[in-house]
Amino acid sequence: MNTQDHIEQRLWDYIDGLSTPDEHSAVAALIAANREWQRKYKELLDVHQLMGSTELEAPSMRFTKNVMEEISQYQVAPATKNYINKNIIRSIGAFFLLMIGSFLFYFLRQMQWTDSPSSSRQSPYTQVLQNNLNKFNWGKILGSPYMSIFMLINVILALVLVDMYLQTLKRRSRLINK
């Protein structure tokens, strides 16, 4: 606290009558002896008198009701169905379907589809699929940083979608209960 703030605080206590008798006499002596204290005292005394001369008006008894009636005259924002463009939602959905399709295409493209004879009880297609799945390097696909980022983004978006769905259910239940 600097000296100006200290002087001001002591003068306010003096003006408001909050100071102890010893402090009161010390401040009175400082006002009488020091020009800076006299100037600050006159300034604060003017502010105190100005504050005391103005009367605060009490709000009417119907203030809250009047405000609420005034607000009710304005139009409420339209429901979100009116201002959300469905084409944007569809394009976002198409983008993610395309991403998932690309992921599957990349995954299937990495497989090596070669014939290898195995047991005679299984069909040739089943044998090829089993051999390829056994030889397939899953770490190469699922361990890449791009796949990790892609899966992280999909998990976050799925959580956002679930949250939006649950909030919608919560709003509907509130509306039904009212």
Foldseek 3Di string as FASTA:
>chain_A
DDPVVVLLVLLVCLVVVNDDPVSVVVLVVCCVPPPVSVVSNVVVVVVVVVVVPDDDDDDDPCVVVVVVVVVVVDDDDDDPVVPDDVVVVVVVVVVVVVVVVVLVVVVVVQFDQDFDDDDPVDDRVVVSVVVRVVPDDPCVSCVDPVNVVVVVVVVVVVVVVVVVVVVVVVVVVVVVVD
